[in-house]
């Protein structure tokens, strides 16, 4: 996935309406009218959100009779998740080092004071 494609995916995911649309499409294809009924917004506004999702590769649209159905394309989500996973490993390693440092500091704090003569 190129940087531009990754930017488009994360840009599309930045909006809660678009995330809700993807959540709905995870359960099956839907028409614009079905998606519009989920929100307090107009059909053209939902269509604009769908275009953003389509440009990001997260949604494809097909004609079925007189209806135009939107379909979730999950592959870009997987690629974005893989990108995030690399950073998750970094943070897990960082937290493990911090835990070890804190345990060491705790052990030092719990040692009895040295006797002086």
PDB file of N, CA and C in Angstrom:
ATOM      1  N   UNK A   1       0.864  -1.171   0.000  1.00  0.00           N
ATOM      2  CA  UNK A   1       0.000   0.000   0.000  1.00  0.00           C
ATOM      3  C   UNK A   1       0.908   1.229   0.000  1.00  0.00           C
ATOM      4  N   UNK A   2       0.636   2.160  -0.877  1.00  0.00           N
ATOM      5  CA  UNK A   2       1.437   3.382  -0.947  1.00  0.00           C
ATOM      6  C   UNK A   2       1.049   4.332   0.181  1.00  0.00           C
ATOM      7  N   UNK A   3       1.897   5.319   0.413  1.00  0.00           N
ATOM      8  CA  UNK A   3       1.591   6.314   1.440  1.00  0.00           C
ATOM      9  C   UNK A   3       0.297   7.049   1.120  1.00  0.00           C
ATOM     10  N   UNK A   4       0.076   7.373  -0.160  1.00  0.00           N
ATOM     11  CA  UNK A   4      -1.157   8.066  -0.544  1.00  0.00           C
ATOM     12  C   UNK A   4      -2.387   7.207  -0.275  1.00  0.00           C
ATOM     13  N   UNK A   5      -2.300   5.921  -0.545  1.00  0.00           N
ATOM     14  CA  UNK A   5      -3.428   5.020  -0.285  1.00  0.00           C
ATOM     15  C   UNK A   5      -3.684   4.897   1.215  1.00  0.00           C
ATOM     16  N   UNK A   6      -2.606   4.787   1.980  1.00  0.00           N
ATOM     17  CA  UNK A   6      -2.745   4.708   3.439  1.00  0.00           C
ATOM     18  C   UNK A   6      -3.344   6.001   3.986  1.00  0.00           C
ATOM     19  N   UNK A   7      -2.907   7.146   3.453  1.00  0.00           N
ATOM     20  CA  UNK A   7      -3.476   8.438   3.861  1.00  0.00           C
ATOM     21  C   UNK A   7      -4.974   8.482   3.573  1.00  0.00           C
ATOM     22  N   UNK A   8      -5.374   7.970   2.409  1.00  0.00           N
ATOM     23  CA  UNK A   8      -6.789   7.979   2.041  1.00  0.00           C
ATOM     24  C   UNK A   8      -7.605   7.103   2.983  1.00  0.00           C
ATOM     25  N   UNK A   9      -7.068   5.947   3.347  1.00  0.00           N
ATOM     26  CA  UNK A   9      -7.781   5.045   4.273  1.00  0.00           C
ATOM     27  C   UNK A   9      -7.943   5.711   5.634  1.00  0.00           C
ATOM     28  N   UNK A  10      -6.840   6.235   6.186  1.00  0.00           N
ATOM     29  CA  UNK A  10      -6.936   6.868   7.500  1.00  0.00           C
ATOM     30  C   UNK A  10      -7.792   8.126   7.453  1.00  0.00           C
ATOM     31  N   UNK A  11      -7.735   8.865   6.355  1.00  0.00           N
ATOM     32  CA  UNK A  11      -8.592  10.040   6.206  1.00  0.00           C
ATOM     33  C   UNK A  11     -10.062   9.651   6.197  1.00  0.00           C
ATOM     34  N   UNK A  12     -10.376   8.571   5.490  1.00  0.00           N
ATOM     35  CA  UNK A  12     -11.765   8.100   5.437  1.00  0.00           C
ATOM     36  C   UNK A  12     -12.228   7.623   6.809  1.00  0.00           C
ATOM     37  N   UNK A  13     -11.341   6.966   7.540  1.00  0.00           N
ATOM     38  CA  UNK A  13     -11.692   6.435   8.860  1.00  0.00           C
ATOM     39  C   UNK A  13     -11.778   7.517   9.932  1.00  0.00           C
ATOM     40  N   UNK A  14     -11.288   8.703   9.634  1.00  0.00           N
ATOM     41  CA  UNK A  14     -11.281   9.783  10.619  1.00  0.00           C
ATOM     42  C   UNK A  14     -12.680  10.297  10.940  1.00  0.00           C
ATOM     43  N   UNK A  15     -13.635  10.016  10.087  1.00  0.00           N
ATOM     44  CA  UNK A  15     -14.989  10.541  10.275  1.00  0.00           C
ATOM     45  C   UNK A  15     -15.895   9.475  10.886  1.00  0.00           C
ATOM     46  N   UNK A  16     -16.628   9.806  11.970  1.00  0.00           N
ATOM     47  CA  UNK A  16     -17.489   8.810  12.625  1.00  0.00           C
ATOM     48  C   UNK A  16     -18.633   8.321  11.742  1.00  0.00           C
ATOM     49  N   UNK A  17     -19.141   9.169  10.864  1.00  0.00           N
ATOM     50  CA  UNK A  17     -20.214   8.729   9.957  1.00  0.00           C
ATOM     51  C   UNK A  17     -19.692   7.660   9.015  1.00  0.00           C
ATOM     52  N   UNK A  18     -18.497   7.872   8.476  1.00  0.00           N
ATOM     53  CA  UNK A  18     -17.932   6.882   7.551  1.00  0.00           C
ATOM     54  C   UNK A  18     -17.616   5.581   8.277  1.00  0.00           C
ATOM     55  N   UNK A  19     -17.143   5.678   9.530  1.00  0.00           N
ATOM     56  CA  UNK A  19     -16.905   4.445  10.295  1.00  0.00           C
ATOM     57  C   UNK A  19     -18.217   3.702  10.534  1.00  0.00           C
ATOM     58  N   UNK A  20     -19.282   4.438  10.806  1.00  0.00           N
ATOM     59  CA  UNK A  20     -20.598   3.801  11.009  1.00  0.00           C
ATOM     60  C   UNK A  20     -21.084   3.141   9.720  1.00  0.00           C
ATOM     61  N   UNK A  21     -20.845   3.787   8.592  1.00  0.00           N
ATOM     62  CA  UNK A  21     -21.230   3.193   7.304  1.00  0.00           C
ATOM     63  C   UNK A  21     -20.471   1.885   7.099  1.00  0.00           C
ATOM     64  N   UNK A  22     -19.172   1.893   7.365  1.00  0.00           N
ATOM     65  CA  UNK A  22     -18.392   0.661   7.213  1.00  0.00           C
ATOM     66  C   UNK A  22     -18.892  -0.421   8.168  1.00  0.00           C
ATOM     67  N   UNK A  23     -19.245  -0.023   9.381  1.00  0.00           N
ATOM     68  CA  UNK A  23     -19.797  -0.989  10.335  1.00  0.00           C
ATOM     69  C   UNK A  23     -21.073  -1.622   9.818  1.00  0.00           C
ATOM     70  N   UNK A  24     -21.923  -0.814   9.215  1.00  0.00           N
ATOM     71  CA  UNK A  24     -23.168  -1.351   8.638  1.00  0.00           C
ATOM     72  C   UNK A  24     -22.867  -2.273   7.464  1.00  0.00           C
ATOM     73  N   UNK A  25     -21.938  -1.864   6.599  1.00  0.00           N
ATOM     74  CA  UNK A  25     -21.612  -2.669   5.419  1.00  0.00           C
ATOM     75  C   UNK A  25     -20.912  -3.977   5.788  1.00  0.00           C
ATOM     76  N   UNK A  26     -20.334  -4.041   6.980  1.00  0.00           N
ATOM     77  CA  UNK A  26     -19.732  -5.299   7.441  1.00  0.00           C
ATOM     78  C   UNK A  26     -20.788  -6.388   7.595  1.00  0.00           C
ATOM     79  N   UNK A  27     -22.056  -5.972   7.720  1.00  0.00           N
ATOM     80  CA  UNK A  27     -23.156  -6.938   7.860  1.00  0.00           C
ATOM     81  C   UNK A  27     -23.823  -7.253   6.531  1.00  0.00           C
ATOM     82  N   UNK A  28     -23.396  -6.608   5.468  1.00  0.00           N
ATOM     83  CA  UNK A  28     -23.957  -6.878   4.148  1.00  0.00           C
ATOM     84  C   UNK A  28     -24.106  -5.609   3.333  1.00  0.00           C
ATOM     85  N   UNK A  29     -24.266  -5.802   2.039  1.00  0.00           N
ATOM     86  CA  UNK A  29     -24.421  -4.679   1.122  1.00  0.00           C
ATOM     87  C   UNK A  29     -25.665  -3.859   1.467  1.00  0.00           C
ATOM     88  N   UNK A  30     -25.628  -2.575   1.098  1.00  0.00           N
ATOM     89  CA  UNK A  30     -26.761  -1.698   1.398  1.00  0.00           C
ATOM     90  C   UNK A  30     -26.876  -0.632   0.320  1.00  0.00           C
ATOM     91  N   UNK A  31     -28.099  -0.189   0.116  1.00  0.00           N
ATOM     92  CA  UNK A  31     -28.350   0.913  -0.812  1.00  0.00           C
ATOM     93  C   UNK A  31     -28.113   2.236  -0.088  1.00  0.00           C
ATOM     94  N   UNK A  32     -28.008   3.306  -0.851  1.00  0.00           N
ATOM     95  CA  UNK A  32     -27.839   4.632  -0.258  1.00  0.00           C
ATOM     96  C   UNK A  32     -29.032   4.957   0.635  1.00  0.00           C
ATOM     97  N   UNK A  33     -30.232   4.592   0.205  1.00  0.00           N
ATOM     98  CA  UNK A  33     -31.424   4.862   1.021  1.00  0.00           C
ATOM     99  C   UNK A  33     -31.360   4.123   2.359  1.00  0.00           C
ATOM    100  N   UNK A  34     -30.901   2.871   2.339  1.00  0.00           N
ATOM    101  CA  UNK A  34     -30.762   2.127   3.594  1.00  0.00           C
ATOM    102  C   UNK A  34     -29.741   2.800   4.512  1.00  0.00           C
ATOM    103  N   UNK A  35     -28.655   3.248   3.937  1.00  0.00           N
ATOM    104  CA  UNK A  35     -27.629   3.911   4.730  1.00  0.00           C
ATOM    105  C   UNK A  35     -28.114   5.262   5.242  1.00  0.00           C
ATOM    106  N   UNK A  36     -28.860   5.987   4.418  1.00  0.00           N
ATOM    107  CA  UNK A  36     -29.380   7.300   4.816  1.00  0.00           C
ATOM    108  C   UNK A  36     -30.297   7.179   6.022  1.00  0.00           C
ATOM    109  N   UNK A  37     -31.056   6.085   6.107  1.00  0.00           N
ATOM    110  CA  UNK A  37     -31.999   5.920   7.218  1.00  0.00           C
ATOM    111  C   UNK A  37     -31.289   5.800   8.571  1.00  0.00           C
ATOM    112  N   UNK A  38     -29.990   5.554   8.543  1.00  0.00           N
ATOM    113  CA  UNK A  38     -29.219   5.425   9.789  1.00  0.00           C
ATOM    114  C   UNK A  38     -28.836   6.781  10.382  1.00  0.00           C
ATOM    115  N   UNK A  39     -28.926   7.835   9.588  1.00  0.00           N
ATOM    116  CA  UNK A  39     -28.382   9.124   9.997  1.00  0.00           C
ATOM    117  C   UNK A  39     -29.400  10.238   9.834  1.00  0.00           C
ATOM    118  N   UNK A  40     -29.170  11.306  10.567  1.00  0.00           N
ATOM    119  CA  UNK A  40     -29.999  12.506  10.431  1.00  0.00           C
ATOM    120  C   UNK A  40     -29.317  13.422   9.410  1.00  0.00           C
ATOM    121  N   UNK A  41     -29.213  12.920   8.177  1.00  0.00           N
ATOM    122  CA  UNK A  41     -28.605  13.712   7.111  1.00  0.00           C
ATOM    123  C   UNK A  41     -29.250  13.324   5.790  1.00  0.00           C
ATOM    124  N   UNK A  42     -29.012  14.128   4.797  1.00  0.00           N
ATOM    125  CA  UNK A  42     -29.638  13.914   3.492  1.00  0.00           C
ATOM    126  C   UNK A  42     -28.943  12.794   2.716  1.00  0.00           C
ATOM    127  N   UNK A  43     -29.633  12.320   1.714  1.00  0.00           N
ATOM    128  CA  UNK A  43     -29.069  11.293   0.838  1.00  0.00           C
ATOM    129  C   UNK A  43     -27.825  11.810   0.114  1.00  0.00           C
ATOM    130  N   UNK A  44     -27.804  13.055  -0.374  1.00  0.00           N
ATOM    131  CA  UNK A  44     -26.576  13.546  -1.006  1.00  0.00           C
ATOM    132  C   UNK A  44     -25.388  13.587  -0.035  1.00  0.00           C
ATOM    133  N   UNK A  45     -25.648  13.882   1.237  1.00  0.00           N
ATOM    134  CA  UNK A  45     -24.565  13.898   2.220  1.00  0.00           C
ATOM    135  C   UNK A  45     -24.003  12.487   2.422  1.00  0.00           C
ATOM    136  N   UNK A  46     -24.867  11.493   2.509  1.00  0.00           N
ATOM    137  CA  UNK A  46     -24.422  10.103   2.641  1.00  0.00           C
ATOM    138  C   UNK A  46     -23.659   9.695   1.381  1.00  0.00           C
ATOM    139  N   UNK A  47     -24.141  10.112   0.222  1.00  0.00           N
ATOM    140  CA  UNK A  47     -23.450   9.797  -1.034  1.00  0.00           C
ATOM    141  C   UNK A  47     -22.040  10.389  -1.055  1.00  0.00           C
ATOM    142  N   UNK A  48     -21.875  11.584  -0.499  1.00  0.00           N
ATOM    143  CA  UNK A  48     -20.536  12.185  -0.432  1.00  0.00           C
ATOM    144  C   UNK A  48     -19.615  11.341   0.458  1.00  0.00           C
ATOM    145  N   UNK A  49     -20.143  10.871   1.571  1.00  0.00           N
ATOM    146  CA  UNK A  49     -19.346   9.991   2.437  1.00  0.00           C
ATOM    147  C   UNK A  49     -18.972   8.707   1.693  1.00  0.00           C
ATOM    148  N   UNK A  50     -19.909   8.160   0.945  1.00  0.00           N
ATOM    149  CA  UNK A  50     -19.626   6.936   0.185  1.00  0.00           C
ATOM    150  C   UNK A  50     -18.538   7.164  -0.859  1.00  0.00           C
ATOM    151  N   UNK A  51     -18.539   8.332  -1.485  1.00  0.00           N
ATOM    152  CA  UNK A  51     -17.502   8.640  -2.482  1.00  0.00           C
ATOM    153  C   UNK A  51     -16.118   8.682  -1.825  1.00  0.00           C
ATOM    154  N   UNK A  52     -16.036   9.252  -0.631  1.00  0.00           N
ATOM    155  CA  UNK A  52     -14.761   9.276   0.093  1.00  0.00           C
ATOM    156  C   UNK A  52     -14.309   7.846   0.390  1.00  0.00           C
ATOM    157  N   UNK A  53     -15.223   7.021   0.869  1.00  0.00           N
ATOM    158  CA  UNK A  53     -14.907   5.625   1.166  1.00  0.00           C
ATOM    159  C   UNK A  53     -14.503   4.866  -0.098  1.00  0.00           C
ATOM    160  N   UNK A  54     -15.176   5.173  -1.197  1.00  0.00           N
ATOM    161  CA  UNK A  54     -14.870   4.523  -2.478  1.00  0.00           C
ATOM    162  C   UNK A  54     -13.476   4.931  -2.966  1.00  0.00           C
ATOM    163  N   UNK A  55     -13.147   6.217  -2.872  1.00  0.00           N
ATOM    164  CA  UNK A  55     -11.817   6.682  -3.283  1.00  0.00           C
ATOM    165  C   UNK A  55     -10.706   6.046  -2.445  1.00  0.00           C
ATOM    166  N   UNK A  56     -11.013   5.757  -1.197  1.00  0.00           N
ATOM    167  CA  UNK A  56     -10.038   5.115  -0.308  1.00  0.00           C
ATOM    168  C   UNK A  56      -9.958   3.607  -0.550  1.00  0.00           C
ATOM    169  N   UNK A  57     -10.829   3.085  -1.401  1.00  0.00           N
ATOM    170  CA  UNK A  57     -10.833   1.656  -1.690  1.00  0.00           C
ATOM    171  C   UNK A  57     -11.558   0.827  -0.658  1.00  0.00           C
ATOM    172  N   UNK A  58     -12.276   1.479   0.263  1.00  0.00           N
ATOM    173  CA  UNK A  58     -12.963   0.770   1.341  1.00  0.00           C
ATOM    174  C   UNK A  58     -14.365   0.311   0.956  1.00  0.00           C
ATOM    175  N   UNK A  59     -14.898   0.887  -0.117  1.00  0.00           N
ATOM    176  CA  UNK A  59     -16.250   0.561  -0.571  1.00  0.00           C
ATOM    177  C   UNK A  59     -16.225   0.433  -2.090  1.00  0.00           C
ATOM    178  N   UNK A  60     -16.958  -0.550  -2.587  1.00  0.00           N
ATOM    179  CA  UNK A  60     -17.211  -0.635  -4.028  1.00  0.00           C
ATOM    180  C   UNK A  60     -18.717  -0.552  -4.219  1.00  0.00           C
ATOM    181  N   UNK A  61     -19.128  -0.151  -5.402  1.00  0.00           N
ATOM    182  CA  UNK A  61     -20.565   0.006  -5.656  1.00  0.00           C
ATOM    183  C   UNK A  61     -20.932  -0.757  -6.911  1.00  0.00           C
ATOM    184  N   UNK A  62     -22.063  -1.440  -6.829  1.00  0.00           N
ATOM    185  CA  UNK A  62     -22.539  -2.222  -7.968  1.00  0.00           C
ATOM    186  C   UNK A  62     -24.008  -1.900  -8.220  1.00  0.00           C
ATOM    187  N   UNK A  63     -24.392  -2.076  -9.455  1.00  0.00           N
ATOM    188  CA  UNK A  63     -25.787  -1.858  -9.850  1.00  0.00           C
ATOM    189  C   UNK A  63     -26.518  -3.198  -9.767  1.00  0.00           C
ATOM    190  N   UNK A  64     -27.639  -3.210  -9.069  1.00  0.00           N
ATOM    191  CA  UNK A  64     -28.469  -4.409  -8.998  1.00  0.00           C
ATOM    192  C   UNK A  64     -29.895  -3.985  -9.312  1.00  0.00           C
ATOM    193  N   UNK A  65     -30.306  -4.185 -10.540  1.00  0.00           N
ATOM    194  CA  UNK A  65     -31.606  -3.695 -10.976  1.00  0.00           C
ATOM    195  C   UNK A  65     -31.585  -2.182 -10.976  1.00  0.00           C
ATOM    196  N   UNK A  66     -32.513  -1.577 -10.259  1.00  0.00           N
ATOM    197  CA  UNK A  66     -32.555  -0.114 -10.179  1.00  0.00           C
ATOM    198  C   UNK A  66     -31.794   0.415  -8.962  1.00  0.00           C
ATOM    199  N   UNK A  67     -31.309  -0.504  -8.141  1.00  0.00           N
ATOM    200  CA  UNK A  67     -30.590  -0.094  -6.924  1.00  0.00           C
ATOM    201  C   UNK A  67     -29.085  -0.127  -7.158  1.00  0.00           C
ATOM    202  N   UNK A  68     -28.427   0.801  -6.531  1.00  0.00           N
ATOM    203  CA  UNK A  68     -26.964   0.815  -6.523  1.00  0.00           C
ATOM    204  C   UNK A  68     -26.527   0.451  -5.112  1.00  0.00           C
ATOM    205  N   UNK A  69     -25.894  -0.717  -4.989  1.00  0.00           N
ATOM    206  CA  UNK A  69     -25.511  -1.222  -3.672  1.00  0.00           C
ATOM    207  C   UNK A  69     -24.052  -0.916  -3.360  1.00  0.00           C
ATOM    208  N   UNK A  70     -23.798  -0.615  -2.100  1.00  0.00           N
ATOM    209  CA  UNK A  70     -22.442  -0.396  -1.613  1.00  0.00           C
ATOM    210  C   UNK A  70     -21.987  -1.663  -0.907  1.00  0.00           C
ATOM    211  N   UNK A  71     -20.707  -1.973  -1.104  1.00  0.00           N
ATOM    212  CA  UNK A  71     -20.129  -3.210  -0.580  1.00  0.00           C
ATOM    213  C   UNK A  71     -18.815  -2.882   0.128  1.00  0.00           C
ATOM    214  N   UNK A  72     -18.612  -3.445   1.308  1.00  0.00           N
ATOM    215  CA  UNK A  72     -17.375  -3.249   2.055  1.00  0.00           C
ATOM    216  C   UNK A  72     -16.226  -3.969   1.359  1.00  0.00           C
ATOM    217  N   UNK A  73     -15.124  -3.268   1.176  1.00  0.00           N
ATOM    218  CA  UNK A  73     -13.879  -3.853   0.671  1.00  0.00           C
ATOM    219  C   UNK A  73     -12.899  -3.823   1.835  1.00  0.00           C
ATOM    220  N   UNK A  74     -12.667  -4.963   2.457  1.00  0.00           N
ATOM    221  CA  UNK A  74     -11.919  -5.015   3.712  1.00  0.00           C
ATOM    222  C   UNK A  74     -10.400  -5.027   3.541  1.00  0.00           C
ATOM    223  N   UNK A  75      -9.895  -5.304   2.356  1.00  0.00           N
ATOM    224  CA  UNK A  75      -8.441  -5.422   2.174  1.00  0.00           C
ATOM    225  C   UNK A  75      -7.676  -4.169   2.626  1.00  0.00           C
ATOM    226  N   UNK A  76      -8.130  -2.956   2.288  1.00  0.00           N
ATOM    227  CA  UNK A  76      -7.397  -1.780   2.767  1.00  0.00           C
ATOM    228  C   UNK A  76      -7.394  -1.655   4.295  1.00  0.00           C
ATOM    229  N   UNK A  77      -8.454  -2.132   4.944  1.00  0.00           N
ATOM    230  CA  UNK A  77      -8.481  -2.118   6.416  1.00  0.00           C
ATOM    231  C   UNK A  77      -7.413  -3.054   6.969  1.00  0.00           C
ATOM    232  N   UNK A  78      -7.240  -4.193   6.343  1.00  0.00           N
ATOM    233  CA  UNK A  78      -6.216  -5.160   6.761  1.00  0.00           C
ATOM    234  C   UNK A  78      -4.834  -4.544   6.613  1.00  0.00           C
ATOM    235  N   UNK A  79      -4.598  -3.858   5.501  1.00  0.00           N
ATOM    236  CA  UNK A  79      -3.291  -3.248   5.278  1.00  0.00           C
ATOM    237  C   UNK A  79      -3.028  -2.128   6.299  1.00  0.00           C
ATOM    238  N   UNK A  80      -4.051  -1.350   6.628  1.00  0.00           N
ATOM    239  CA  UNK A  80      -3.902  -0.301   7.642  1.00  0.00           C
ATOM    240  C   UNK A  80      -3.649  -0.928   9.012  1.00  0.00           C
ATOM    241  N   UNK A  81      -4.338  -2.016   9.300  1.00  0.00           N
ATOM    242  CA  UNK A  81      -4.141  -2.731  10.560  1.00  0.00           C
ATOM    243  C   UNK A  81      -2.722  -3.279  10.654  1.00  0.00           C
ATOM    244  N   UNK A  82      -2.210  -3.815   9.554  1.00  0.00           N
ATOM    245  CA  UNK A  82      -0.835  -4.322   9.537  1.00  0.00           C
ATOM    246  C   UNK A  82       0.157  -3.192   9.803  1.00  0.00           C
ATOM    247  N   UNK A  83      -0.102  -2.019   9.235  1.00  0.00           N
ATOM    248  CA  UNK A  83       0.763  -0.861   9.447  1.00  0.00           C
ATOM    249  C   UNK A  83       0.762  -0.479  10.932  1.00  0.00           C
ATOM    250  N   UNK A  84      -0.414  -0.459  11.524  1.00  0.00           N
ATOM    251  CA  UNK A  84      -0.544  -0.122  12.947  1.00  0.00           C
ATOM    252  C   UNK A  84       0.131  -1.182  13.812  1.00  0.00           C
ATOM    253  N   UNK A  85       0.058  -2.439  13.415  1.00  0.00           N
ATOM    254  CA  UNK A  85       0.630  -3.536  14.198  1.00  0.00           C
ATOM    255  C   UNK A  85       2.132  -3.352  14.407  1.00  0.00           C
ATOM    256  N   UNK A  86       2.814  -2.788  13.416  1.00  0.00           N
ATOM    257  CA  UNK A  86       4.248  -2.537  13.576  1.00  0.00           C
ATOM    258  C   UNK A  86       4.497  -1.596  14.753  1.00  0.00           C
ATOM    259  N   UNK A  87       3.662  -0.597  14.903  1.00  0.00           N
ATOM    260  CA  UNK A  87       3.813   0.349  16.001  1.00  0.00           C
ATOM    261  C   UNK A  87       3.348  -0.243  17.323  1.00  0.00           C
ATOM    262  N   UNK A  88       2.400  -1.141  17.254  1.00  0.00           N
ATOM    263  CA  UNK A  88       1.954  -1.813  18.476  1.00  0.00           C
ATOM    264  C   UNK A  88       3.110  -2.599  19.086  1.00  0.00           C
ATOM    265  N   UNK A  89       3.875  -3.298  18.253  1.00  0.00           N
ATOM    266  CA  UNK A  89       5.027  -4.054  18.747  1.00  0.00           C
ATOM    267  C   UNK A  89       6.041  -3.113  19.396  1.00  0.00           C
ATOM    268  N   UNK A  90       6.254  -1.955  18.791  1.00  0.00           N
ATOM    269  CA  UNK A  90       7.167  -0.960  19.364  1.00  0.00           C
ATOM    270  C   UNK A  90       6.708  -0.546  20.759  1.00  0.00           C
ATOM    271  N   UNK A  91       5.406  -0.232  20.890  1.00  0.00           N
ATOM    272  CA  UNK A  91       4.897   0.219  22.183  1.00  0.00           C
ATOM    273  C   UNK A  91       4.903  -0.901  23.207  1.00  0.00           C
ATOM    274  N   UNK A  92       4.621  -2.120  22.795  1.00  0.00           N
ATOM    275  CA  UNK A  92       4.673  -3.236  23.742  1.00  0.00           C
ATOM    276  C   UNK A  92       6.086  -3.421  24.277  1.00  0.00           C
ATOM    277  N   UNK A  93       7.087  -3.299  23.407  1.00  0.00           N
ATOM    278  CA  UNK A  93       8.482  -3.394  23.855  1.00  0.00           C
ATOM    279  C   UNK A  93       8.814  -2.245  24.806  1.00  0.00           C
ATOM    280  N   UNK A  94       8.362  -1.043  24.473  1.00  0.00           N
ATOM    281  CA  UNK A  94       8.623   0.119  25.323  1.00  0.00           C
ATOM    282  C   UNK A  94       7.989  -0.054  26.694  1.00  0.00           C
ATOM    283  N   UNK A  95       6.763  -0.542  26.737  1.00  0.00           N
ATOM    284  CA  UNK A  95       6.083  -0.752  28.015  1.00  0.00           C
ATOM    285  C   UNK A  95       6.753  -1.866  28.820  1.00  0.00           C
ATOM    286  N   UNK A  96       7.241  -2.887  28.151  1.00  0.00           N
ATOM    287  CA  UNK A  96       7.940  -3.967  28.860  1.00  0.00           C
ATOM    288  C   UNK A  96       9.209  -3.430  29.515  1.00  0.00           C
ATOM    289  N   UNK A  97       9.940  -2.567  28.806  1.00  0.00           N
ATOM    290  CA  UNK A  97      11.143  -1.957  29.388  1.00  0.00           C
ATOM    291  C   UNK A  97      10.774  -1.056  30.566  1.00  0.00           C
ATOM    292  N   UNK A  98       9.689  -0.300  30.428  1.00  0.00           N
ATOM    293  CA  UNK A  98       9.239   0.566  31.517  1.00  0.00           C
ATOM    294  C   UNK A  98       8.826  -0.263  32.729  1.00  0.00           C
ATOM    295  N   UNK A  99       8.103  -1.364  32.495  1.00  0.00           N
ATOM    296  CA  UNK A  99       7.709  -2.253  33.609  1.00  0.00           C
ATOM    297  C   UNK A  99       8.943  -2.776  34.348  1.00  0.00           C
ATOM    298  N   UNK A 100       9.972  -3.171  33.593  1.00  0.00           N
ATOM    299  CA  UNK A 100      11.194  -3.691  34.212  1.00  0.00           C
ATOM    300  C   UNK A 100      11.879  -2.602  35.029  1.00  0.00           C
ATOM    301  N   UNK A 101      11.925  -1.396  34.490  1.00  0.00           N
ATOM    302  CA  UNK A 101      12.543  -0.274  35.200  1.00  0.00           C
ATOM    303  C   UNK A 101      11.784   0.051  36.486  1.00  0.00           C
ATOM    304  N   UNK A 102      10.458   0.059  36.410  1.00  0.00           N
ATOM    305  CA  UNK A 102       9.643   0.338  37.598  1.00  0.00           C
ATOM    306  C   UNK A 102       9.794  -0.761  38.644  1.00  0.00           C
ATOM    307  N   UNK A 103       9.881  -2.019  38.210  1.00  0.00           N
ATOM    308  CA  UNK A 103      10.064  -3.127  39.148  1.00  0.00           C
ATOM    309  C   UNK A 103      11.419  -2.999  39.844  1.00  0.00           C
ATOM    310  N   UNK A 104      12.432  -2.590  39.091  1.00  0.00           N
ATOM    311  CA  UNK A 104      13.762  -2.393  39.672  1.00  0.00           C
ATOM    312  C   UNK A 104      13.728  -1.254  40.694  1.00  0.00           C
ATOM    313  N   UNK A 105      13.074  -0.159  40.356  1.00  0.00           N
ATOM    314  CA  UNK A 105      12.965   0.982  41.270  1.00  0.00           C
ATOM    315  C   UNK A 105      12.180   0.588  42.524  1.00  0.00           C
ATOM    316  N   UNK A 106      11.142  -0.211  42.357  1.00  0.00           N
ATOM    317  CA  UNK A 106      10.341  -0.690  43.483  1.00  0.00           C
ATOM    318  C   UNK A 106      11.195  -1.544  44.422  1.00  0.00           C
ATOM    319  N   UNK A 107      12.030  -2.393  43.819  1.00  0.00           N
ATOM    320  CA  UNK A 107      12.884  -3.267  44.622  1.00  0.00           C
ATOM    321  C   UNK A 107      13.876  -2.439  45.427  1.00  0.00           C
ATOM    322  N   UNK A 108      14.418  -1.393  44.819  1.00  0.00           N
ATOM    323  CA  UNK A 108      15.363  -0.532  45.526  1.00  0.00           C
ATOM    324  C   UNK A 108      14.663   0.197  46.662  1.00  0.00           C
ATOM    325  N   UNK A 109      13.464   0.679  46.432  1.00  0.00           N
ATOM    326  CA  UNK A 109      12.700   1.406  47.457  1.00  0.00           C
ATOM    327  C   UNK A 109      12.315   0.513  48.634  1.00  0.00           C
ATOM    328  N   UNK A 110      12.137  -0.772  48.387  1.00  0.00           N
ATOM    329  CA  UNK A 110      11.677  -1.663  49.458  1.00  0.00           C
ATOM    330  C   UNK A 110      12.834  -2.269  50.241  1.00  0.00           C
ATOM    331  N   UNK A 111      14.088  -2.017  49.853  1.00  0.00           N
ATOM    332  CA  UNK A 111      15.235  -2.526  50.610  1.00  0.00           C
ATOM    333  C   UNK A 111      15.332  -1.780  51.949  1.00  0.00           C
ATOM    334  N   UNK A 112      15.688  -2.507  52.985  1.00  0.00           N
ATOM    335  CA  UNK A 112      15.850  -1.832  54.283  1.00  0.00           C
ATOM    336  C   UNK A 112      17.035  -0.861  54.214  1.00  0.00           C
ATOM    337  N   UNK A 113      16.981   0.198  54.978  1.00  0.00           N
ATOM    338  CA  UNK A 113      18.084   1.147  54.963  1.00  0.00           C
ATOM    339  C   UNK A 113      19.353   0.503  55.500  1.00  0.00           C
ATOM    340  N   UNK A 114      20.470   0.950  55.011  1.00  0.00           N
ATOM    341  CA  UNK A 114      21.758   0.416  55.463  1.00  0.00           C
ATOM    342  C   UNK A 114      22.045   0.944  56.865  1.00  0.00           C
ATOM    343  N   UNK A 115      22.606   0.052  57.704  1.00  0.00           N
ATOM    344  CA  UNK A 115      22.979   0.465  59.056  1.00  0.00           C
ATOM    345  C   UNK A 115      24.298   1.225  58.986  1.00  0.00           C
ATOM    346  N   UNK A 116      24.376   2.274  59.746  1.00  0.00           N
ATOM    347  CA  UNK A 116      25.606   3.042  59.790  1.00  0.00           C
ATOM    348  C   UNK A 116      26.178   2.947  61.192  1.00  0.00           C
ATOM    349  N   UNK A 117      27.480   2.987  61.311  1.00  0.00           N
ATOM    350  CA  UNK A 117      28.077   2.901  62.635  1.00  0.00           C
ATOM    351  C   UNK A 117      28.579   4.216  63.136  1.00  0.00           C
TER     352      UNK A 117
END
